[in-house]
Amino acid sequence: MKNLFYIGLAALVFSSCQQQKIGFVDNGTVINDFQEKIDLEERFKESEEAFRKRADSIGKAFQAEAMSAQAIAQKSSQKKAQELMSGLQQKQQQLQQQMQYEDQQIKQSFQAELDSIIVKVKDFVKDYGKTNGYTYVLGTTDVTSTVMYGTDENDLTQTIVDALNASYEKKE
């Protein structure tokens, strides 16, 4: 009877010590291989290229205007030449400020969209973990290794990337 009691107690202890399901993902790989992020980078490369071309065009036009103003200044009185050069410097400063502002706007817009994608990925991983019975899904990167070791069976990186991309393709 005592043995039966101990066997029952042992069964109870083993059944109450359920094994937790733990997985991990490489955050950098998940984000960088997510098609939506790749598409975002492509869109912003195009925007930056268009901005650069426009800035180059404005710069060349300003250089031509500056050369013309210098030619006029050489033929003018000293006072008139100073006024011309002062106006030219002001215009140059305004153009530089405008270009810096536009460049900053492009970068801020990219960062805002990237932040939105990161939140979307975090939410996706959280839902994936809940849906698939994970107690924990840990994240790691090359910079901050929160997972020092994990078996390949627990590495969800490619699974998450594939599921994220499939989800993104459905929305397009």
N, C-alpha and C. Protein backbone atom coordinates (compact mmCIF):
# COMPACT_ATOMS: atom_id res chain seq x y z
N MET A 1 0.81 -1.18 0.00
CA MET A 1 0.00 0.00 0.00
C MET A 1 0.87 1.26 0.00
N LYS A 2 1.96 1.22 0.81
CA LYS A 2 2.88 2.35 0.83
C LYS A 2 3.48 2.57 -0.55
N ASN A 3 3.88 1.51 -1.22
CA ASN A 3 4.47 1.61 -2.55
C ASN A 3 3.50 2.23 -3.54
N LEU A 4 2.25 1.86 -3.46
CA LEU A 4 1.23 2.41 -4.34
C LEU A 4 1.08 3.91 -4.10
N PHE A 5 1.13 4.31 -2.84
CA PHE A 5 1.05 5.72 -2.48
C PHE A 5 2.24 6.49 -3.08
N TYR A 6 3.46 5.95 -2.96
CA TYR A 6 4.66 6.61 -3.49
C TYR A 6 4.63 6.67 -5.02
N ILE A 7 4.14 5.63 -5.64
CA ILE A 7 4.02 5.63 -7.11
C ILE A 7 3.02 6.70 -7.54
N GLY A 8 1.91 6.80 -6.83
CA GLY A 8 0.91 7.83 -7.13
C GLY A 8 1.47 9.22 -6.92
N LEU A 9 2.22 9.41 -5.83
CA LEU A 9 2.83 10.70 -5.54
C LEU A 9 3.85 11.07 -6.62
N ALA A 10 4.66 10.08 -7.02
CA ALA A 10 5.66 10.32 -8.07
C ALA A 10 4.98 10.70 -9.38
N ALA A 11 3.89 10.04 -9.73
CA ALA A 11 3.15 10.36 -10.95
C ALA A 11 2.60 11.77 -10.89
N LEU A 12 2.09 12.14 -9.71
CA LEU A 12 1.55 13.49 -9.53
C LEU A 12 2.66 14.54 -9.69
N VAL A 13 3.81 14.29 -9.09
CA VAL A 13 4.93 15.23 -9.19
C VAL A 13 5.39 15.37 -10.64
N PHE A 14 5.54 14.25 -11.34
CA PHE A 14 5.99 14.31 -12.74
C PHE A 14 4.98 15.00 -13.63
N SER A 15 3.71 14.78 -13.40
CA SER A 15 2.69 15.42 -14.26
C SER A 15 2.58 16.90 -13.96
N SER A 16 2.88 17.32 -12.73
CA SER A 16 2.80 18.75 -12.42
C SER A 16 4.03 19.51 -12.90
N CYS A 17 5.08 18.79 -13.19
CA CYS A 17 6.31 19.44 -13.68
C CYS A 17 6.31 19.40 -15.21
N GLN A 18 5.33 20.02 -15.80
CA GLN A 18 5.25 20.03 -17.26
C GLN A 18 6.45 20.76 -17.83
N GLN A 19 6.94 20.23 -18.92
CA GLN A 19 8.09 20.87 -19.56
C GLN A 19 7.62 22.10 -20.32
N GLN A 20 8.33 23.19 -20.16
CA GLN A 20 7.97 24.42 -20.85
C GLN A 20 8.54 24.38 -22.26
N LYS A 21 7.77 24.90 -23.20
CA LYS A 21 8.19 24.95 -24.60
C LYS A 21 8.86 26.31 -24.83
N ILE A 22 10.14 26.27 -25.20
CA ILE A 22 10.91 27.50 -25.38
C ILE A 22 11.52 27.50 -26.77
N GLY A 23 11.44 28.64 -27.43
CA GLY A 23 12.07 28.82 -28.73
C GLY A 23 12.83 30.13 -28.75
N PHE A 24 13.59 30.34 -29.80
CA PHE A 24 14.30 31.61 -29.92
C PHE A 24 14.39 32.01 -31.39
N VAL A 25 14.57 33.30 -31.60
CA VAL A 25 14.72 33.83 -32.95
C VAL A 25 15.91 34.79 -32.98
N ASP A 26 16.53 34.88 -34.12
CA ASP A 26 17.57 35.88 -34.35
C ASP A 26 16.84 37.12 -34.86
N ASN A 27 16.72 38.12 -33.99
CA ASN A 27 15.95 39.32 -34.32
C ASN A 27 16.43 40.00 -35.60
N GLY A 28 17.73 40.11 -35.75
CA GLY A 28 18.28 40.77 -36.94
C GLY A 28 17.90 40.06 -38.21
N THR A 29 17.99 38.74 -38.21
CA THR A 29 17.64 37.96 -39.39
C THR A 29 16.15 38.09 -39.69
N VAL A 30 15.33 38.00 -38.66
CA VAL A 30 13.88 38.10 -38.87
C VAL A 30 13.54 39.45 -39.50
N ILE A 31 14.05 40.53 -38.94
CA ILE A 31 13.75 41.87 -39.46
C ILE A 31 14.33 42.03 -40.87
N ASN A 32 15.60 41.68 -41.06
CA ASN A 32 16.25 41.91 -42.34
C ASN A 32 15.74 41.04 -43.47
N ASP A 33 15.20 39.86 -43.15
CA ASP A 33 14.68 38.98 -44.18
C ASP A 33 13.17 39.13 -44.39
N PHE A 34 12.54 40.02 -43.64
CA PHE A 34 11.11 40.27 -43.78
C PHE A 34 10.90 41.09 -45.05
N GLN A 35 10.10 40.58 -45.96
CA GLN A 35 9.91 41.21 -47.27
C GLN A 35 9.39 42.64 -47.16
N GLU A 36 8.55 42.92 -46.19
CA GLU A 36 8.04 44.29 -46.03
C GLU A 36 9.18 45.26 -45.75
N LYS A 37 10.17 44.85 -44.94
CA LYS A 37 11.32 45.71 -44.67
C LYS A 37 12.17 45.87 -45.92
N ILE A 38 12.34 44.79 -46.66
CA ILE A 38 13.10 44.85 -47.91
C ILE A 38 12.43 45.81 -48.88
N ASP A 39 11.10 45.73 -48.98
CA ASP A 39 10.35 46.64 -49.86
C ASP A 39 10.48 48.09 -49.38
N LEU A 40 10.43 48.29 -48.07
CA LEU A 40 10.59 49.63 -47.51
C LEU A 40 11.94 50.21 -47.88
N GLU A 41 13.00 49.43 -47.71
CA GLU A 41 14.34 49.91 -48.05
C GLU A 41 14.44 50.25 -49.53
N GLU A 42 13.82 49.46 -50.37
CA GLU A 42 13.86 49.72 -51.82
C GLU A 42 13.15 51.03 -52.15
N ARG A 43 11.98 51.24 -51.51
CA ARG A 43 11.24 52.49 -51.73
C ARG A 43 12.07 53.69 -51.31
N PHE A 44 12.73 53.58 -50.16
CA PHE A 44 13.50 54.73 -49.67
C PHE A 44 14.79 54.92 -50.44
N LYS A 45 15.36 53.87 -51.01
CA LYS A 45 16.52 54.04 -51.89
C LYS A 45 16.12 54.87 -53.09
N GLU A 46 14.94 54.58 -53.63
CA GLU A 46 14.44 55.35 -54.78
C GLU A 46 14.20 56.80 -54.39
N SER A 47 13.63 57.03 -53.21
CA SER A 47 13.39 58.40 -52.74
C SER A 47 14.70 59.14 -52.54
N GLU A 48 15.67 58.48 -51.94
CA GLU A 48 16.96 59.12 -51.71
C GLU A 48 17.67 59.41 -53.03
N GLU A 49 17.56 58.51 -53.98
CA GLU A 49 18.18 58.73 -55.29
C GLU A 49 17.54 59.92 -55.99
N ALA A 50 16.23 60.01 -55.93
CA ALA A 50 15.52 61.15 -56.54
C ALA A 50 15.93 62.45 -55.84
N PHE A 51 16.05 62.39 -54.52
CA PHE A 51 16.48 63.56 -53.76
C PHE A 51 17.89 63.98 -54.16
N ARG A 52 18.79 63.00 -54.24
CA ARG A 52 20.18 63.29 -54.63
C ARG A 52 20.25 63.93 -56.02
N LYS A 53 19.49 63.40 -56.95
CA LYS A 53 19.49 63.96 -58.31
C LYS A 53 18.98 65.39 -58.30
N ARG A 54 17.92 65.62 -57.54
CA ARG A 54 17.37 66.97 -57.45
C ARG A 54 18.36 67.91 -56.78
N ALA A 55 19.03 67.45 -55.72
CA ALA A 55 20.02 68.27 -55.03
C ALA A 55 21.20 68.58 -55.95
N ASP A 56 21.64 67.59 -56.73
CA ASP A 56 22.73 67.82 -57.69
C ASP A 56 22.32 68.85 -58.74
N SER A 57 21.10 68.73 -59.22
CA SER A 57 20.60 69.66 -60.23
C SER A 57 20.54 71.08 -59.67
N ILE A 58 20.04 71.22 -58.46
CA ILE A 58 19.98 72.54 -57.82
C ILE A 58 21.38 73.07 -57.58
N GLY A 59 22.30 72.20 -57.16
CA GLY A 59 23.69 72.60 -56.93
C GLY A 59 24.36 73.09 -58.20
N LYS A 60 24.13 72.39 -59.31
CA LYS A 60 24.71 72.82 -60.59
C LYS A 60 24.12 74.15 -61.05
N ALA A 61 22.82 74.31 -60.87
CA ALA A 61 22.18 75.58 -61.25
C ALA A 61 22.73 76.72 -60.40
N PHE A 62 22.95 76.45 -59.12
CA PHE A 62 23.50 77.48 -58.24
C PHE A 62 24.93 77.82 -58.64
N GLN A 63 25.73 76.82 -59.00
CA GLN A 63 27.11 77.06 -59.43
C GLN A 63 27.13 77.95 -60.68
N ALA A 64 26.23 77.66 -61.60
CA ALA A 64 26.16 78.48 -62.82
C ALA A 64 25.78 79.92 -62.47
N GLU A 65 24.83 80.06 -61.55
CA GLU A 65 24.41 81.40 -61.12
C GLU A 65 25.56 82.11 -60.42
N ALA A 66 26.33 81.38 -59.61
CA ALA A 66 27.46 81.97 -58.89
C ALA A 66 28.54 82.43 -59.86
N MET A 67 28.81 81.62 -60.88
CA MET A 67 29.83 82.02 -61.87
C MET A 67 29.39 83.26 -62.63
N SER A 68 28.11 83.30 -62.95
CA SER A 68 27.57 84.47 -63.64
C SER A 68 27.66 85.71 -62.75
N ALA A 69 27.33 85.53 -61.48
CA ALA A 69 27.38 86.66 -60.53
C ALA A 69 28.81 87.13 -60.34
N GLN A 70 29.78 86.22 -60.33
CA GLN A 70 31.18 86.61 -60.19
C GLN A 70 31.64 87.42 -61.40
N ALA A 71 31.19 86.99 -62.55
CA ALA A 71 31.56 87.72 -63.78
C ALA A 71 30.99 89.14 -63.74
N ILE A 72 29.75 89.24 -63.28
CA ILE A 72 29.12 90.56 -63.17
C ILE A 72 29.82 91.40 -62.09
N ALA A 73 30.16 90.73 -60.97
CA ALA A 73 30.80 91.43 -59.85
C ALA A 73 32.15 92.02 -60.26
N GLN A 74 32.89 91.31 -61.11
CA GLN A 74 34.19 91.80 -61.55
C GLN A 74 34.06 93.08 -62.37
N LYS A 75 32.95 93.25 -63.03
CA LYS A 75 32.74 94.42 -63.87
C LYS A 75 32.03 95.55 -63.11
N SER A 76 31.59 95.28 -61.89
CA SER A 76 30.81 96.25 -61.12
C SER A 76 31.68 96.94 -60.08
N SER A 77 31.06 97.92 -59.44
CA SER A 77 31.75 98.62 -58.36
C SER A 77 31.89 97.67 -57.17
N GLN A 78 32.77 98.05 -56.25
CA GLN A 78 33.02 97.19 -55.09
C GLN A 78 31.76 97.02 -54.25
N LYS A 79 30.99 98.07 -54.08
CA LYS A 79 29.76 97.99 -53.30
C LYS A 79 28.76 97.06 -53.96
N LYS A 80 28.59 97.21 -55.25
CA LYS A 80 27.66 96.37 -56.01
C LYS A 80 28.12 94.91 -55.97
N ALA A 81 29.41 94.68 -56.07
CA ALA A 81 29.96 93.31 -56.04
C ALA A 81 29.71 92.68 -54.67
N GLN A 82 29.89 93.45 -53.60
CA GLN A 82 29.65 92.93 -52.25
C GLN A 82 28.17 92.56 -52.06
N GLU A 83 27.29 93.42 -52.56
CA GLU A 83 25.85 93.14 -52.45
C GLU A 83 25.51 91.85 -53.21
N LEU A 84 26.08 91.71 -54.38
CA LEU A 84 25.82 90.52 -55.20
C LEU A 84 26.32 89.27 -54.48
N MET A 85 27.50 89.31 -53.94
CA MET A 85 28.09 88.15 -53.25
C MET A 85 27.35 87.85 -51.95
N SER A 86 26.93 88.86 -51.25
CA SER A 86 26.17 88.68 -50.02
C SER A 86 24.83 87.97 -50.32
N GLY A 87 24.16 88.44 -51.36
CA GLY A 87 22.90 87.80 -51.78
C GLY A 87 23.12 86.36 -52.20
N LEU A 88 24.23 86.12 -52.86
CA LEU A 88 24.57 84.77 -53.30
C LEU A 88 24.83 83.86 -52.09
N GLN A 89 25.52 84.38 -51.07
CA GLN A 89 25.79 83.59 -49.87
C GLN A 89 24.49 83.25 -49.13
N GLN A 90 23.60 84.22 -49.07
CA GLN A 90 22.31 83.97 -48.42
C GLN A 90 21.53 82.88 -49.16
N LYS A 91 21.54 82.97 -50.45
CA LYS A 91 20.83 81.97 -51.26
C LYS A 91 21.46 80.59 -51.06
N GLN A 92 22.78 80.54 -50.99
CA GLN A 92 23.47 79.27 -50.78
C GLN A 92 23.07 78.68 -49.42
N GLN A 93 23.05 79.50 -48.39
CA GLN A 93 22.66 79.02 -47.06
C GLN A 93 21.22 78.51 -47.05
N GLN A 94 20.33 79.23 -47.73
CA GLN A 94 18.94 78.80 -47.79
C GLN A 94 18.81 77.45 -48.51
N LEU A 95 19.54 77.30 -49.60
CA LEU A 95 19.50 76.04 -50.34
C LEU A 95 20.05 74.89 -49.49
N GLN A 96 21.14 75.13 -48.78
CA GLN A 96 21.71 74.10 -47.92
C GLN A 96 20.74 73.70 -46.82
N GLN A 97 20.10 74.69 -46.21
CA GLN A 97 19.13 74.41 -45.15
C GLN A 97 17.95 73.61 -45.70
N GLN A 98 17.49 73.98 -46.87
CA GLN A 98 16.36 73.28 -47.49
C GLN A 98 16.74 71.83 -47.79
N MET A 99 17.93 71.62 -48.31
CA MET A 99 18.37 70.25 -48.63
C MET A 99 18.55 69.42 -47.36
N GLN A 100 19.10 70.03 -46.31
CA GLN A 100 19.25 69.32 -45.04
C GLN A 100 17.89 68.95 -44.46
N TYR A 101 16.95 69.88 -44.55
CA TYR A 101 15.61 69.63 -44.04
C TYR A 101 14.94 68.47 -44.80
N GLU A 102 15.02 68.50 -46.11
CA GLU A 102 14.41 67.43 -46.91
C GLU A 102 15.07 66.08 -46.64
N ASP A 103 16.39 66.07 -46.51
CA ASP A 103 17.11 64.84 -46.21
C ASP A 103 16.68 64.30 -44.84
N GLN A 104 16.56 65.17 -43.88
CA GLN A 104 16.13 64.79 -42.53
C GLN A 104 14.70 64.23 -42.57
N GLN A 105 13.83 64.83 -43.36
CA GLN A 105 12.44 64.35 -43.48
C GLN A 105 12.40 62.94 -44.06
N ILE A 106 13.22 62.68 -45.06
CA ILE A 106 13.27 61.35 -45.67
C ILE A 106 13.73 60.33 -44.63
N LYS A 107 14.78 60.66 -43.89
CA LYS A 107 15.31 59.74 -42.87
C LYS A 107 14.32 59.51 -41.74
N GLN A 108 13.64 60.55 -41.30
CA GLN A 108 12.65 60.40 -40.23
C GLN A 108 11.47 59.55 -40.70
N SER A 109 11.05 59.75 -41.91
CA SER A 109 9.95 58.97 -42.46
C SER A 109 10.34 57.49 -42.54
N PHE A 110 11.56 57.22 -42.99
CA PHE A 110 12.04 55.84 -43.06
C PHE A 110 12.07 55.22 -41.67
N GLN A 111 12.60 55.94 -40.69
CA GLN A 111 12.71 55.41 -39.34
C GLN A 111 11.33 55.14 -38.75
N ALA A 112 10.37 56.02 -39.01
CA ALA A 112 9.02 55.81 -38.48
C ALA A 112 8.40 54.54 -39.07
N GLU A 113 8.57 54.34 -40.37
CA GLU A 113 8.04 53.13 -41.00
C GLU A 113 8.78 51.88 -40.52
N LEU A 114 10.08 52.00 -40.33
CA LEU A 114 10.86 50.87 -39.83
C LEU A 114 10.42 50.50 -38.41
N ASP A 115 10.20 51.51 -37.57
CA ASP A 115 9.72 51.26 -36.21
C ASP A 115 8.38 50.53 -36.24
N SER A 116 7.53 50.93 -37.17
CA SER A 116 6.22 50.28 -37.31
C SER A 116 6.39 48.80 -37.70
N ILE A 117 7.33 48.52 -38.57
CA ILE A 117 7.60 47.14 -38.99
C ILE A 117 8.13 46.33 -37.81
N ILE A 118 9.00 46.92 -37.01
CA ILE A 118 9.56 46.22 -35.85
C ILE A 118 8.45 45.86 -34.87
N VAL A 119 7.52 46.78 -34.63
CA VAL A 119 6.38 46.50 -33.75
C VAL A 119 5.54 45.37 -34.34
N LYS A 120 5.33 45.42 -35.65
CA LYS A 120 4.56 44.38 -36.32
C LYS A 120 5.22 43.01 -36.16
N VAL A 121 6.53 42.96 -36.28
CA VAL A 121 7.27 41.69 -36.12
C VAL A 121 7.16 41.19 -34.69
N LYS A 122 7.32 42.08 -33.72
CA LYS A 122 7.20 41.68 -32.31
C LYS A 122 5.82 41.10 -32.03
N ASP A 123 4.78 41.78 -32.52
CA ASP A 123 3.42 41.30 -32.32
C ASP A 123 3.21 39.94 -33.00
N PHE A 124 3.79 39.78 -34.18
CA PHE A 124 3.66 38.52 -34.91
C PHE A 124 4.31 37.39 -34.13
N VAL A 125 5.52 37.62 -33.63
CA VAL A 125 6.23 36.59 -32.86
C VAL A 125 5.45 36.24 -31.60
N LYS A 126 4.91 37.25 -30.94
CA LYS A 126 4.11 37.01 -29.74
C LYS A 126 2.91 36.13 -30.07
N ASP A 127 2.18 36.48 -31.12
CA ASP A 127 1.01 35.68 -31.53
C ASP A 127 1.42 34.27 -31.95
N TYR A 128 2.55 34.18 -32.65
CA TYR A 128 3.05 32.86 -33.08
C TYR A 128 3.35 32.00 -31.87
N GLY A 129 3.99 32.58 -30.88
CA GLY A 129 4.32 31.85 -29.66
C GLY A 129 3.08 31.36 -28.94
N LYS A 130 2.08 32.23 -28.81
CA LYS A 130 0.83 31.85 -28.15
C LYS A 130 0.12 30.74 -28.93
N THR A 131 -0.01 30.94 -30.22
CA THR A 131 -0.72 29.99 -31.07
C THR A 131 -0.07 28.62 -31.07
N ASN A 132 1.25 28.57 -31.01
CA ASN A 132 1.97 27.31 -31.11
C ASN A 132 2.42 26.75 -29.76
N GLY A 133 1.87 27.28 -28.68
CA GLY A 133 2.09 26.71 -27.36
C GLY A 133 3.45 26.96 -26.74
N TYR A 134 4.12 28.04 -27.13
CA TYR A 134 5.41 28.35 -26.52
C TYR A 134 5.20 29.12 -25.22
N THR A 135 5.96 28.73 -24.21
CA THR A 135 5.96 29.46 -22.95
C THR A 135 6.80 30.72 -23.11
N TYR A 136 7.93 30.57 -23.82
CA TYR A 136 8.83 31.69 -24.09
C TYR A 136 9.32 31.62 -25.52
N VAL A 137 9.45 32.79 -26.15
CA VAL A 137 10.19 32.92 -27.40
C VAL A 137 11.20 34.02 -27.14
N LEU A 138 12.45 33.63 -27.09
CA LEU A 138 13.53 34.56 -26.78
C LEU A 138 14.07 35.17 -28.07
N GLY A 139 14.65 36.34 -27.96
CA GLY A 139 15.25 36.99 -29.10
C GLY A 139 16.73 37.20 -28.88
N THR A 140 17.49 37.13 -29.95
CA THR A 140 18.93 37.34 -29.86
C THR A 140 19.40 38.09 -31.10
N THR A 141 20.53 38.75 -30.96
CA THR A 141 21.18 39.41 -32.10
C THR A 141 22.68 39.18 -31.96
N ASP A 142 23.43 39.59 -32.97
CA ASP A 142 24.88 39.47 -32.88
C ASP A 142 25.45 40.38 -31.78
N VAL A 143 24.79 41.51 -31.55
CA VAL A 143 25.27 42.48 -30.58
C VAL A 143 24.93 42.06 -29.15
N THR A 144 23.69 41.67 -28.93
CA THR A 144 23.25 41.27 -27.59
C THR A 144 22.78 39.82 -27.63
N SER A 145 23.60 38.94 -27.18
CA SER A 145 23.27 37.52 -27.20
C SER A 145 22.55 37.11 -25.93
N THR A 146 21.24 37.16 -25.96
CA THR A 146 20.47 36.70 -24.82
C THR A 146 20.35 35.18 -24.84
N VAL A 147 20.50 34.60 -26.01
CA VAL A 147 20.51 33.14 -26.14
C VAL A 147 21.95 32.75 -26.46
N MET A 148 22.59 32.15 -25.49
CA MET A 148 23.98 31.75 -25.68
C MET A 148 24.08 30.42 -26.42
N TYR A 149 23.06 29.59 -26.24
CA TYR A 149 23.03 28.31 -26.94
C TYR A 149 21.58 27.89 -27.09
N GLY A 150 21.28 27.32 -28.19
CA GLY A 150 19.95 26.75 -28.42
C GLY A 150 20.06 25.70 -29.50
N THR A 151 19.31 24.65 -29.36
CA THR A 151 19.34 23.60 -30.38
C THR A 151 18.62 24.09 -31.63
N ASP A 152 18.96 23.49 -32.74
CA ASP A 152 18.33 23.87 -34.00
C ASP A 152 16.81 23.70 -33.96
N GLU A 153 16.35 22.72 -33.20
CA GLU A 153 14.90 22.49 -33.10
C GLU A 153 14.20 23.66 -32.43
N ASN A 154 14.91 24.39 -31.58
CA ASN A 154 14.32 25.52 -30.87
C ASN A 154 14.51 26.85 -31.60
N ASP A 155 15.27 26.83 -32.70
CA ASP A 155 15.51 28.05 -33.47
C ASP A 155 14.33 28.27 -34.42
N LEU A 156 13.55 29.26 -34.12
CA LEU A 156 12.34 29.56 -34.89
C LEU A 156 12.56 30.63 -35.95
N THR A 157 13.79 31.07 -36.11
CA THR A 157 14.08 32.21 -36.98
C THR A 157 13.49 32.04 -38.38
N GLN A 158 13.87 30.97 -39.07
CA GLN A 158 13.42 30.79 -40.45
C GLN A 158 11.91 30.53 -40.51
N THR A 159 11.39 29.82 -39.52
CA THR A 159 9.95 29.56 -39.46
C THR A 159 9.19 30.87 -39.35
N ILE A 160 9.67 31.75 -38.49
CA ILE A 160 9.02 33.06 -38.29
C ILE A 160 9.15 33.90 -39.56
N VAL A 161 10.32 33.93 -40.18
CA VAL A 161 10.52 34.70 -41.41
C VAL A 161 9.56 34.22 -42.49
N ASP A 162 9.48 32.90 -42.66
CA ASP A 162 8.59 32.34 -43.68
C ASP A 162 7.13 32.69 -43.40
N ALA A 163 6.72 32.57 -42.15
CA ALA A 163 5.34 32.88 -41.78
C ALA A 163 5.04 34.38 -41.94
N LEU A 164 5.99 35.22 -41.55
CA LEU A 164 5.82 36.67 -41.71
C LEU A 164 5.67 37.04 -43.18
N ASN A 165 6.56 36.50 -44.01
CA ASN A 165 6.51 36.81 -45.43
C ASN A 165 5.24 36.28 -46.08
N ALA A 166 4.77 35.12 -45.66
CA ALA A 166 3.52 34.58 -46.18
C ALA A 166 2.36 35.49 -45.79
N SER A 167 2.38 35.97 -44.57
CA SER A 167 1.35 36.88 -44.09
C SER A 167 1.38 38.20 -44.86
N TYR A 168 2.58 38.69 -45.14
CA TYR A 168 2.75 39.96 -45.87
C TYR A 168 2.28 39.82 -47.31
N GLU A 169 2.58 38.68 -47.94
CA GLU A 169 2.17 38.45 -49.33
C GLU A 169 0.65 38.40 -49.46
N LYS A 170 -0.04 37.86 -48.46
CA LYS A 170 -1.49 37.79 -48.48
C LYS A 170 -2.11 39.19 -48.47
N LYS A 171 -1.46 40.13 -47.79
CA LYS A 171 -1.99 41.49 -47.66
C LYS A 171 -1.78 42.32 -48.92
N GLU A 172 -0.83 41.93 -49.75
CA GLU A 172 -0.53 42.74 -50.94
C GLU A 172 -1.58 42.61 -52.00
